[in-house]
Amino acid sequence: MLIGRCIQFARNQAHEFTPDVVVRATLDRVVPVLMTSLVTALALIPLLLAGGEPGKELLNPRAVVIFGGLISSTIISLFLTPALFFKFGKKAALQVKGETEF
């Protein structure tokens, strides 16, 4: 969704493919990404804290893995994906836009 938003900003608003476009698209996606991650993380807190209770031997390790995945996917979505798209995505953005240059 972030990459599509970058291309949409560049296409609809006649922006060049600059870091500002990528940052603006990323800031546009921060709230939905954080809301999704935080709500899921809050739901996992009881399972994370109840690791020593009987009956939670299988649920606690799963909750830890899911929680770690939420943290890493949030970081990747907000930092790594925009950086990699700006570094390597200009050619793809040009093909989608159908122009020779941004």
PDB file of N, CA and C in Angstrom:
ATOM      1  N   MET A   1       0.821  -1.182   0.000  1.00  0.00           N
ATOM      2  CA  MET A   1       0.000   0.000   0.000  1.00  0.00           C
ATOM      3  C   MET A   1       0.871   1.254   0.000  1.00  0.00           C
ATOM      4  N   LEU A   2       2.000   1.166   0.665  1.00  0.00           N
ATOM      5  CA  LEU A   2       2.899   2.312   0.722  1.00  0.00           C
ATOM      6  C   LEU A   2       3.457   2.654  -0.656  1.00  0.00           C
ATOM      7  N   ILE A   3       3.848   1.655  -1.397  1.00  0.00           N
ATOM      8  CA  ILE A   3       4.408   1.880  -2.727  1.00  0.00           C
ATOM      9  C   ILE A   3       3.331   2.457  -3.651  1.00  0.00           C
ATOM     10  N   GLY A   4       2.148   1.929  -3.565  1.00  0.00           N
ATOM     11  CA  GLY A   4       1.045   2.472  -4.355  1.00  0.00           C
ATOM     12  C   GLY A   4       0.744   3.917  -3.994  1.00  0.00           C
ATOM     13  N   ARG A   5       0.851   4.237  -2.715  1.00  0.00           N
ATOM     14  CA  ARG A   5       0.623   5.614  -2.271  1.00  0.00           C
ATOM     15  C   ARG A   5       1.713   6.546  -2.804  1.00  0.00           C
ATOM     16  N   CYS A   6       2.956   6.091  -2.818  1.00  0.00           N
ATOM     17  CA  CYS A   6       4.060   6.892  -3.387  1.00  0.00           C
ATOM     18  C   CYS A   6       3.803   7.181  -4.861  1.00  0.00           C
ATOM     19  N   ILE A   7       3.433   6.170  -5.592  1.00  0.00           N
ATOM     20  CA  ILE A   7       3.175   6.339  -7.021  1.00  0.00           C
ATOM     21  C   ILE A   7       1.975   7.249  -7.239  1.00  0.00           C
ATOM     22  N   GLN A   8       0.952   7.101  -6.408  1.00  0.00           N
ATOM     23  CA  GLN A   8      -0.229   7.954  -6.526  1.00  0.00           C
ATOM     24  C   GLN A   8       0.122   9.413  -6.267  1.00  0.00           C
ATOM     25  N   PHE A   9       0.932   9.687  -5.247  1.00  0.00           N
ATOM     26  CA  PHE A   9       1.355  11.061  -4.990  1.00  0.00           C
ATOM     27  C   PHE A   9       2.127  11.620  -6.174  1.00  0.00           C
ATOM     28  N   ALA A  10       3.028  10.824  -6.706  1.00  0.00           N
ATOM     29  CA  ALA A  10       3.849  11.301  -7.817  1.00  0.00           C
ATOM     30  C   ALA A  10       3.007  11.516  -9.079  1.00  0.00           C
ATOM     31  N   ARG A  11       2.057  10.640  -9.321  1.00  0.00           N
ATOM     32  CA  ARG A  11       1.252  10.723 -10.544  1.00  0.00           C
ATOM     33  C   ARG A  11       0.186  11.810 -10.463  1.00  0.00           C
ATOM     34  N   ASN A  12      -0.590  11.822  -9.412  1.00  0.00           N
ATOM     35  CA  ASN A  12      -1.737  12.727  -9.329  1.00  0.00           C
ATOM     36  C   ASN A  12      -1.359  14.167  -9.025  1.00  0.00           C
ATOM     37  N   GLN A  13      -0.285  14.351  -8.317  1.00  0.00           N
ATOM     38  CA  GLN A  13       0.053  15.698  -7.903  1.00  0.00           C
ATOM     39  C   GLN A  13       1.271  16.240  -8.634  1.00  0.00           C
ATOM     40  N   ALA A  14       1.676  15.564  -9.688  1.00  0.00           N
ATOM     41  CA  ALA A  14       2.780  15.994 -10.549  1.00  0.00           C
ATOM     42  C   ALA A  14       4.067  16.237  -9.772  1.00  0.00           C
ATOM     43  N   HIS A  15       4.295  15.418  -8.771  1.00  0.00           N
ATOM     44  CA  HIS A  15       5.549  15.512  -8.029  1.00  0.00           C
ATOM     45  C   HIS A  15       6.622  14.700  -8.731  1.00  0.00           C
ATOM     46  N   GLU A  16       7.838  15.086  -8.508  1.00  0.00           N
ATOM     47  CA  GLU A  16       8.937  14.259  -8.969  1.00  0.00           C
ATOM     48  C   GLU A  16       9.140  13.142  -7.955  1.00  0.00           C
ATOM     49  N   PHE A  17       9.872  12.129  -8.378  1.00  0.00           N
ATOM     50  CA  PHE A  17      10.147  10.995  -7.491  1.00  0.00           C
ATOM     51  C   PHE A  17      11.318  11.388  -6.600  1.00  0.00           C
ATOM     52  N   THR A  18      11.008  12.017  -5.464  1.00  0.00           N
ATOM     53  CA  THR A  18      12.017  12.518  -4.535  1.00  0.00           C
ATOM     54  C   THR A  18      11.824  11.868  -3.168  1.00  0.00           C
ATOM     55  N   PRO A  19      12.790  12.048  -2.289  1.00  0.00           N
ATOM     56  CA  PRO A  19      12.602  11.530  -0.922  1.00  0.00           C
ATOM     57  C   PRO A  19      11.392  12.138  -0.224  1.00  0.00           C
ATOM     58  N   ASP A  20      11.044  13.369  -0.575  1.00  0.00           N
ATOM     59  CA  ASP A  20       9.881  14.007   0.052  1.00  0.00           C
ATOM     60  C   ASP A  20       8.581  13.273  -0.262  1.00  0.00           C
ATOM     61  N   VAL A  21       8.464  12.770  -1.484  1.00  0.00           N
ATOM     62  CA  VAL A  21       7.265  12.013  -1.866  1.00  0.00           C
ATOM     63  C   VAL A  21       7.188  10.720  -1.067  1.00  0.00           C
ATOM     64  N   VAL A  22       8.323  10.056  -0.909  1.00  0.00           N
ATOM     65  CA  VAL A  22       8.349   8.796  -0.161  1.00  0.00           C
ATOM     66  C   VAL A  22       8.052   9.054   1.319  1.00  0.00           C
ATOM     67  N   VAL A  23       8.619  10.115   1.885  1.00  0.00           N
ATOM     68  CA  VAL A  23       8.356  10.454   3.287  1.00  0.00           C
ATOM     69  C   VAL A  23       6.895  10.821   3.486  1.00  0.00           C
ATOM     70  N   ARG A  24       6.339  11.593   2.574  1.00  0.00           N
ATOM     71  CA  ARG A  24       4.934  11.979   2.688  1.00  0.00           C
ATOM     72  C   ARG A  24       4.010  10.764   2.620  1.00  0.00           C
ATOM     73  N   ALA A  25       4.300   9.846   1.712  1.00  0.00           N
ATOM     74  CA  ALA A  25       3.485   8.630   1.616  1.00  0.00           C
ATOM     75  C   ALA A  25       3.647   7.770   2.867  1.00  0.00           C
ATOM     76  N   THR A  26       4.855   7.714   3.408  1.00  0.00           N
ATOM     77  CA  THR A  26       5.087   6.939   4.630  1.00  0.00           C
ATOM     78  C   THR A  26       4.335   7.549   5.799  1.00  0.00           C
ATOM     79  N   LEU A  27       4.381   8.858   5.932  1.00  0.00           N
ATOM     80  CA  LEU A  27       3.651   9.519   7.011  1.00  0.00           C
ATOM     81  C   LEU A  27       2.144   9.342   6.870  1.00  0.00           C
ATOM     82  N   ASP A  28       1.688   9.203   5.646  1.00  0.00           N
ATOM     83  CA  ASP A  28       0.275   8.954   5.406  1.00  0.00           C
ATOM     84  C   ASP A  28      -0.141   7.565   5.888  1.00  0.00           C
ATOM     85  N   ARG A  29       0.802   6.633   5.910  1.00  0.00           N
ATOM     86  CA  ARG A  29       0.509   5.250   6.304  1.00  0.00           C
ATOM     87  C   ARG A  29       0.884   4.931   7.752  1.00  0.00           C
ATOM     88  N   VAL A  30       1.476   5.879   8.486  1.00  0.00           N
ATOM     89  CA  VAL A  30       1.934   5.606   9.852  1.00  0.00           C
ATOM     90  C   VAL A  30       0.777   5.227  10.765  1.00  0.00           C
ATOM     91  N   VAL A  31      -0.282   5.994  10.751  1.00  0.00           N
ATOM     92  CA  VAL A  31      -1.396   5.757  11.677  1.00  0.00           C
ATOM     93  C   VAL A  31      -2.033   4.383  11.470  1.00  0.00           C
ATOM     94  N   PRO A  32      -2.385   3.981  10.237  1.00  0.00           N
ATOM     95  CA  PRO A  32      -2.976   2.652  10.087  1.00  0.00           C
ATOM     96  C   PRO A  32      -2.031   1.505  10.496  1.00  0.00           C
ATOM     97  N   VAL A  33      -0.757   1.645  10.169  1.00  0.00           N
ATOM     98  CA  VAL A  33       0.195   0.584  10.523  1.00  0.00           C
ATOM     99  C   VAL A  33       0.351   0.490  12.030  1.00  0.00           C
ATOM    100  N   LEU A  34       0.517   1.634  12.705  1.00  0.00           N
ATOM    101  CA  LEU A  34       0.680   1.615  14.155  1.00  0.00           C
ATOM    102  C   LEU A  34      -0.589   1.172  14.881  1.00  0.00           C
ATOM    103  N   MET A  35      -1.745   1.592  14.393  1.00  0.00           N
ATOM    104  CA  MET A  35      -2.988   1.168  15.037  1.00  0.00           C
ATOM    105  C   MET A  35      -3.151  -0.343  14.977  1.00  0.00           C
ATOM    106  N   THR A  36      -2.895  -0.914  13.825  1.00  0.00           N
ATOM    107  CA  THR A  36      -3.029  -2.360  13.668  1.00  0.00           C
ATOM    108  C   THR A  36      -2.056  -3.101  14.576  1.00  0.00           C
ATOM    109  N   SER A  37      -0.817  -2.664  14.582  1.00  0.00           N
ATOM    110  CA  SER A  37       0.202  -3.336  15.388  1.00  0.00           C
ATOM    111  C   SER A  37      -0.050  -3.177  16.880  1.00  0.00           C
ATOM    112  N   LEU A  38      -0.392  -1.973  17.293  1.00  0.00           N
ATOM    113  CA  LEU A  38      -0.592  -1.737  18.723  1.00  0.00           C
ATOM    114  C   LEU A  38      -1.809  -2.469  19.275  1.00  0.00           C
ATOM    115  N   VAL A  39      -2.876  -2.519  18.524  1.00  0.00           N
ATOM    116  CA  VAL A  39      -4.069  -3.227  19.000  1.00  0.00           C
ATOM    117  C   VAL A  39      -3.781  -4.722  19.136  1.00  0.00           C
ATOM    118  N   THR A  40      -3.087  -5.273  18.171  1.00  0.00           N
ATOM    119  CA  THR A  40      -2.736  -6.691  18.254  1.00  0.00           C
ATOM    120  C   THR A  40      -1.768  -6.948  19.401  1.00  0.00           C
ATOM    121  N   ALA A  41      -0.808  -6.052  19.586  1.00  0.00           N
ATOM    122  CA  ALA A  41       0.152  -6.206  20.691  1.00  0.00           C
ATOM    123  C   ALA A  41      -0.545  -6.103  22.039  1.00  0.00           C
ATOM    124  N   LEU A  42      -1.492  -5.199  22.166  1.00  0.00           N
ATOM    125  CA  LEU A  42      -2.236  -5.086  23.423  1.00  0.00           C
ATOM    126  C   LEU A  42      -3.033  -6.349  23.711  1.00  0.00           C
ATOM    127  N   ALA A  43      -3.560  -6.974  22.687  1.00  0.00           N
ATOM    128  CA  ALA A  43      -4.309  -8.218  22.893  1.00  0.00           C
ATOM    129  C   ALA A  43      -3.394  -9.362  23.332  1.00  0.00           C
ATOM    130  N   LEU A  44      -2.115  -9.275  22.995  1.00  0.00           N
ATOM    131  CA  LEU A  44      -1.174 -10.337  23.365  1.00  0.00           C
ATOM    132  C   LEU A  44      -0.573 -10.169  24.755  1.00  0.00           C
ATOM    133  N   ILE A  45      -0.734  -9.020  25.374  1.00  0.00           N
ATOM    134  CA  ILE A  45      -0.112  -8.774  26.676  1.00  0.00           C
ATOM    135  C   ILE A  45      -0.525  -9.801  27.730  1.00  0.00           C
ATOM    136  N   PRO A  46      -1.795 -10.167  27.863  1.00  0.00           N
ATOM    137  CA  PRO A  46      -2.127 -11.182  28.872  1.00  0.00           C
ATOM    138  C   PRO A  46      -1.409 -12.516  28.639  1.00  0.00           C
ATOM    139  N   LEU A  47      -1.247 -12.909  27.397  1.00  0.00           N
ATOM    140  CA  LEU A  47      -0.540 -14.165  27.116  1.00  0.00           C
ATOM    141  C   LEU A  47       0.959 -14.031  27.375  1.00  0.00           C
ATOM    142  N   LEU A  48       1.508 -12.861  27.136  1.00  0.00           N
ATOM    143  CA  LEU A  48       2.932 -12.650  27.396  1.00  0.00           C
ATOM    144  C   LEU A  48       3.243 -12.674  28.893  1.00  0.00           C
ATOM    145  N   LEU A  49       2.362 -12.109  29.688  1.00  0.00           N
ATOM    146  CA  LEU A  49       2.599 -12.022  31.132  1.00  0.00           C
ATOM    147  C   LEU A  49       2.247 -13.307  31.873  1.00  0.00           C
ATOM    148  N   ALA A  50       1.469 -14.176  31.268  1.00  0.00           N
ATOM    149  CA  ALA A  50       1.014 -15.399  31.938  1.00  0.00           C
ATOM    150  C   ALA A  50       1.837 -16.601  31.518  1.00  0.00           C
ATOM    151  N   GLY A  51       3.122 -16.418  31.307  1.00  0.00           N
ATOM    152  CA  GLY A  51       3.966 -17.506  30.826  1.00  0.00           C
ATOM    153  C   GLY A  51       4.141 -18.645  31.797  1.00  0.00           C
ATOM    154  N   GLY A  52       4.119 -18.359  33.100  1.00  0.00           N
ATOM    155  CA  GLY A  52       4.343 -19.401  34.090  1.00  0.00           C
ATOM    156  C   GLY A  52       3.091 -20.082  34.590  1.00  0.00           C
ATOM    157  N   GLU A  53       1.942 -19.649  34.168  1.00  0.00           N
ATOM    158  CA  GLU A  53       0.694 -20.234  34.652  1.00  0.00           C
ATOM    159  C   GLU A  53       0.419 -21.566  33.972  1.00  0.00           C
ATOM    160  N   PRO A  54      -0.227 -22.466  34.700  1.00  0.00           N
ATOM    161  CA  PRO A  54      -0.565 -23.754  34.083  1.00  0.00           C
ATOM    162  C   PRO A  54      -1.543 -23.576  32.921  1.00  0.00           C
ATOM    163  N   GLY A  55      -1.297 -24.312  31.870  1.00  0.00           N
ATOM    164  CA  GLY A  55      -2.147 -24.255  30.695  1.00  0.00           C
ATOM    165  C   GLY A  55      -1.683 -23.252  29.660  1.00  0.00           C
ATOM    166  N   LYS A  56      -0.697 -22.453  30.003  1.00  0.00           N
ATOM    167  CA  LYS A  56      -0.209 -21.431  29.073  1.00  0.00           C
ATOM    168  C   LYS A  56       1.166 -21.801  28.489  1.00  0.00           C
ATOM    169  N   GLU A  57       1.561 -23.052  28.645  1.00  0.00           N
ATOM    170  CA  GLU A  57       2.888 -23.467  28.188  1.00  0.00           C
ATOM    171  C   GLU A  57       3.054 -23.341  26.679  1.00  0.00           C
ATOM    172  N   LEU A  58       1.982 -23.538  25.935  1.00  0.00           N
ATOM    173  CA  LEU A  58       2.051 -23.436  24.485  1.00  0.00           C
ATOM    174  C   LEU A  58       1.691 -22.044  23.970  1.00  0.00           C
ATOM    175  N   LEU A  59       0.826 -21.354  24.695  1.00  0.00           N
ATOM    176  CA  LEU A  59       0.376 -20.047  24.236  1.00  0.00           C
ATOM    177  C   LEU A  59       1.426 -18.959  24.426  1.00  0.00           C
ATOM    178  N   ASN A  60       2.184 -19.026  25.511  1.00  0.00           N
ATOM    179  CA  ASN A  60       3.187 -17.998  25.759  1.00  0.00           C
ATOM    180  C   ASN A  60       4.264 -17.946  24.684  1.00  0.00           C
ATOM    181  N   PRO A  61       4.873 -19.054  24.289  1.00  0.00           N
ATOM    182  CA  PRO A  61       5.880 -18.957  23.217  1.00  0.00           C
ATOM    183  C   PRO A  61       5.299 -18.450  21.893  1.00  0.00           C
ATOM    184  N   ARG A  62       4.079 -18.828  21.592  1.00  0.00           N
ATOM    185  CA  ARG A  62       3.442 -18.323  20.372  1.00  0.00           C
ATOM    186  C   ARG A  62       3.208 -16.820  20.461  1.00  0.00           C
ATOM    187  N   ALA A  63       2.781 -16.359  21.622  1.00  0.00           N
ATOM    188  CA  ALA A  63       2.561 -14.924  21.813  1.00  0.00           C
ATOM    189  C   ALA A  63       3.869 -14.153  21.681  1.00  0.00           C
ATOM    190  N   VAL A  64       4.956 -14.712  22.179  1.00  0.00           N
ATOM    191  CA  VAL A  64       6.263 -14.055  22.059  1.00  0.00           C
ATOM    192  C   VAL A  64       6.674 -13.949  20.599  1.00  0.00           C
ATOM    193  N   VAL A  65       6.474 -15.012  19.845  1.00  0.00           N
ATOM    194  CA  VAL A  65       6.833 -14.994  18.427  1.00  0.00           C
ATOM    195  C   VAL A  65       5.964 -14.004  17.657  1.00  0.00           C
ATOM    196  N   ILE A  66       4.671 -13.995  17.918  1.00  0.00           N
ATOM    197  CA  ILE A  66       3.774 -13.067  17.231  1.00  0.00           C
ATOM    198  C   ILE A  66       4.116 -11.627  17.590  1.00  0.00           C
ATOM    199  N   PHE A  67       4.404 -11.370  18.855  1.00  0.00           N
ATOM    200  CA  PHE A  67       4.764 -10.029  19.300  1.00  0.00           C
ATOM    201  C   PHE A  67       6.056  -9.556  18.637  1.00  0.00           C
ATOM    202  N   GLY A  68       7.042 -10.434  18.576  1.00  0.00           N
ATOM    203  CA  GLY A  68       8.289 -10.097  17.886  1.00  0.00           C
ATOM    204  C   GLY A  68       8.074  -9.830  16.404  1.00  0.00           C
ATOM    205  N   GLY A  69       7.209 -10.609  15.781  1.00  0.00           N
ATOM    206  CA  GLY A  69       6.884 -10.394  14.382  1.00  0.00           C
ATOM    207  C   GLY A  69       6.175  -9.070  14.149  1.00  0.00           C
ATOM    208  N   LEU A  70       5.318  -8.689  15.076  1.00  0.00           N
ATOM    209  CA  LEU A  70       4.642  -7.393  14.964  1.00  0.00           C
ATOM    210  C   LEU A  70       5.640  -6.246  15.032  1.00  0.00           C
ATOM    211  N   ILE A  71       6.570  -6.349  15.958  1.00  0.00           N
ATOM    212  CA  ILE A  71       7.577  -5.288  16.095  1.00  0.00           C
ATOM    213  C   ILE A  71       8.438  -5.207  14.842  1.00  0.00           C
ATOM    214  N   SER A  72       8.923  -6.355  14.390  1.00  0.00           N
ATOM    215  CA  SER A  72       9.804  -6.334  13.216  1.00  0.00           C
ATOM    216  C   SER A  72       9.055  -5.912  11.951  1.00  0.00           C
ATOM    217  N   SER A  73       7.819  -6.350  11.775  1.00  0.00           N
ATOM    218  CA  SER A  73       7.078  -5.959  10.576  1.00  0.00           C
ATOM    219  C   SER A  73       6.727  -4.474  10.590  1.00  0.00           C
ATOM    220  N   THR A  74       6.486  -3.912  11.765  1.00  0.00           N
ATOM    221  CA  THR A  74       6.212  -2.481  11.855  1.00  0.00           C
ATOM    222  C   THR A  74       7.453  -1.673  11.479  1.00  0.00           C
ATOM    223  N   ILE A  75       8.597  -2.091  11.978  1.00  0.00           N
ATOM    224  CA  ILE A  75       9.849  -1.402  11.653  1.00  0.00           C
ATOM    225  C   ILE A  75      10.150  -1.522  10.159  1.00  0.00           C
ATOM    226  N   ILE A  76       9.954  -2.708   9.621  1.00  0.00           N
ATOM    227  CA  ILE A  76      10.196  -2.905   8.187  1.00  0.00           C
ATOM    228  C   ILE A  76       9.236  -2.056   7.360  1.00  0.00           C
ATOM    229  N   SER A  77       7.968  -2.016   7.748  1.00  0.00           N
ATOM    230  CA  SER A  77       6.966  -1.259   6.985  1.00  0.00           C
ATOM    231  C   SER A  77       7.221   0.240   7.011  1.00  0.00           C
ATOM    232  N   LEU A  78       7.691   0.747   8.135  1.00  0.00           N
ATOM    233  CA  LEU A  78       7.826   2.190   8.268  1.00  0.00           C
ATOM    234  C   LEU A  78       9.206   2.729   7.911  1.00  0.00           C
ATOM    235  N   PHE A  79      10.231   1.891   7.938  1.00  0.00           N
ATOM    236  CA  PHE A  79      11.582   2.389   7.695  1.00  0.00           C
ATOM    237  C   PHE A  79      12.271   1.715   6.510  1.00  0.00           C
ATOM    238  N   LEU A  80      12.289   0.405   6.489  1.00  0.00           N
ATOM    239  CA  LEU A  80      13.050  -0.306   5.467  1.00  0.00           C
ATOM    240  C   LEU A  80      12.369  -0.260   4.094  1.00  0.00           C
ATOM    241  N   THR A  81      11.073  -0.490   4.046  1.00  0.00           N
ATOM    242  CA  THR A  81      10.362  -0.482   2.762  1.00  0.00           C
ATOM    243  C   THR A  81      10.458   0.863   2.041  1.00  0.00           C
ATOM    244  N   PRO A  82      10.229   1.995   2.730  1.00  0.00           N
ATOM    245  CA  PRO A  82      10.380   3.273   2.009  1.00  0.00           C
ATOM    246  C   PRO A  82      11.804   3.517   1.521  1.00  0.00           C
ATOM    247  N   ALA A  83      12.792   3.153   2.328  1.00  0.00           N
ATOM    248  CA  ALA A  83      14.179   3.368   1.921  1.00  0.00           C
ATOM    249  C   ALA A  83      14.535   2.515   0.712  1.00  0.00           C
ATOM    250  N   LEU A  84      14.133   1.255   0.731  1.00  0.00           N
ATOM    251  CA  LEU A  84      14.426   0.375  -0.398  1.00  0.00           C
ATOM    252  C   LEU A  84      13.646   0.784  -1.649  1.00  0.00           C
ATOM    253  N   PHE A  85      12.419   1.241  -1.471  1.00  0.00           N
ATOM    254  CA  PHE A  85      11.648   1.680  -2.625  1.00  0.00           C
ATOM    255  C   PHE A  85      12.270   2.921  -3.259  1.00  0.00           C
ATOM    256  N   PHE A  86      12.739   3.843  -2.428  1.00  0.00           N
ATOM    257  CA  PHE A  86      13.383   5.027  -3.005  1.00  0.00           C
ATOM    258  C   PHE A  86      14.683   4.651  -3.705  1.00  0.00           C
ATOM    259  N   LYS A  87      15.418   3.708  -3.137  1.00  0.00           N
ATOM    260  CA  LYS A  87      16.709   3.317  -3.721  1.00  0.00           C
ATOM    261  C   LYS A  87      16.527   2.538  -5.020  1.00  0.00           C
ATOM    262  N   PHE A  88      15.599   1.581  -5.043  1.00  0.00           N
ATOM    263  CA  PHE A  88      15.493   0.659  -6.174  1.00  0.00           C
ATOM    264  C   PHE A  88      14.187   0.765  -6.967  1.00  0.00           C
ATOM    265  N   GLY A  89      13.247   1.594  -6.537  1.00  0.00           N
ATOM    266  CA  GLY A  89      11.925   1.582  -7.151  1.00  0.00           C
ATOM    267  C   GLY A  89      11.657   2.610  -8.213  1.00  0.00           C
ATOM    268  N   LYS A  90      12.642   3.425  -8.561  1.00  0.00           N
ATOM    269  CA  LYS A  90      12.381   4.476  -9.541  1.00  0.00           C
ATOM    270  C   LYS A  90      12.000   3.898 -10.891  1.00  0.00           C
ATOM    271  N   LYS A  91      12.665   2.857 -11.308  1.00  0.00           N
ATOM    272  CA  LYS A  91      12.365   2.241 -12.602  1.00  0.00           C
ATOM    273  C   LYS A  91      10.940   1.683 -12.617  1.00  0.00           C
ATOM    274  N   ALA A  92      10.555   1.005 -11.543  1.00  0.00           N
ATOM    275  CA  ALA A  92       9.201   0.453 -11.461  1.00  0.00           C
ATOM    276  C   ALA A  92       8.164   1.569 -11.419  1.00  0.00           C
ATOM    277  N   ALA A  93       8.467   2.629 -10.704  1.00  0.00           N
ATOM    278  CA  ALA A  93       7.536   3.756 -10.641  1.00  0.00           C
ATOM    279  C   ALA A  93       7.381   4.406 -12.005  1.00  0.00           C
ATOM    280  N   LEU A  94       8.457   4.465 -12.759  1.00  0.00           N
ATOM    281  CA  LEU A  94       8.380   5.026 -14.108  1.00  0.00           C
ATOM    282  C   LEU A  94       7.529   4.157 -15.018  1.00  0.00           C
ATOM    283  N   GLN A  95       7.650   2.852 -14.872  1.00  0.00           N
ATOM    284  CA  GLN A  95       6.850   1.955 -15.702  1.00  0.00           C
ATOM    285  C   GLN A  95       5.373   2.081 -15.379  1.00  0.00           C
ATOM    286  N   VAL A  96       5.056   2.201 -14.119  1.00  0.00           N
ATOM    287  CA  VAL A  96       3.649   2.345 -13.726  1.00  0.00           C
ATOM    288  C   VAL A  96       3.107   3.685 -14.198  1.00  0.00           C
ATOM    289  N   LYS A  97       3.904   4.705 -14.046  1.00  0.00           N
ATOM    290  CA  LYS A  97       3.449   6.032 -14.461  1.00  0.00           C
ATOM    291  C   LYS A  97       3.361   6.160 -15.975  1.00  0.00           C
ATOM    292  N   GLY A  98       4.206   5.403 -16.680  1.00  0.00           N
ATOM    293  CA  GLY A  98       4.176   5.417 -18.129  1.00  0.00           C
ATOM    294  C   GLY A  98       4.923   6.592 -18.734  1.00  0.00           C
ATOM    295  N   GLU A  99       5.860   7.142 -17.984  1.00  0.00           N
ATOM    296  CA  GLU A  99       6.635   8.259 -18.473  1.00  0.00           C
ATOM    297  C   GLU A  99       8.107   7.884 -18.487  1.00  0.00           C
ATOM    298  N   THR A 100       8.899   8.724 -19.079  1.00  0.00           N
ATOM    299  CA  THR A 100      10.329   8.446 -19.135  1.00  0.00           C
ATOM    300  C   THR A 100      11.061   8.982 -17.923  1.00  0.00           C
ATOM    301  N   GLU A 101      10.520  10.026 -17.269  1.00  0.00           N
ATOM    302  CA  GLU A 101      11.203  10.599 -16.137  1.00  0.00           C
ATOM    303  C   GLU A 101      10.203  11.194 -15.167  1.00  0.00           C
ATOM    304  N   PHE A 102      10.539  11.105 -13.899  1.00  0.00           N
ATOM    305  CA  PHE A 102       9.738  11.776 -12.868  1.00  0.00           C
ATOM    306  C   PHE A 102      10.276  13.164 -12.707  1.00  0.00           C
TER     307      PHE A 102
END
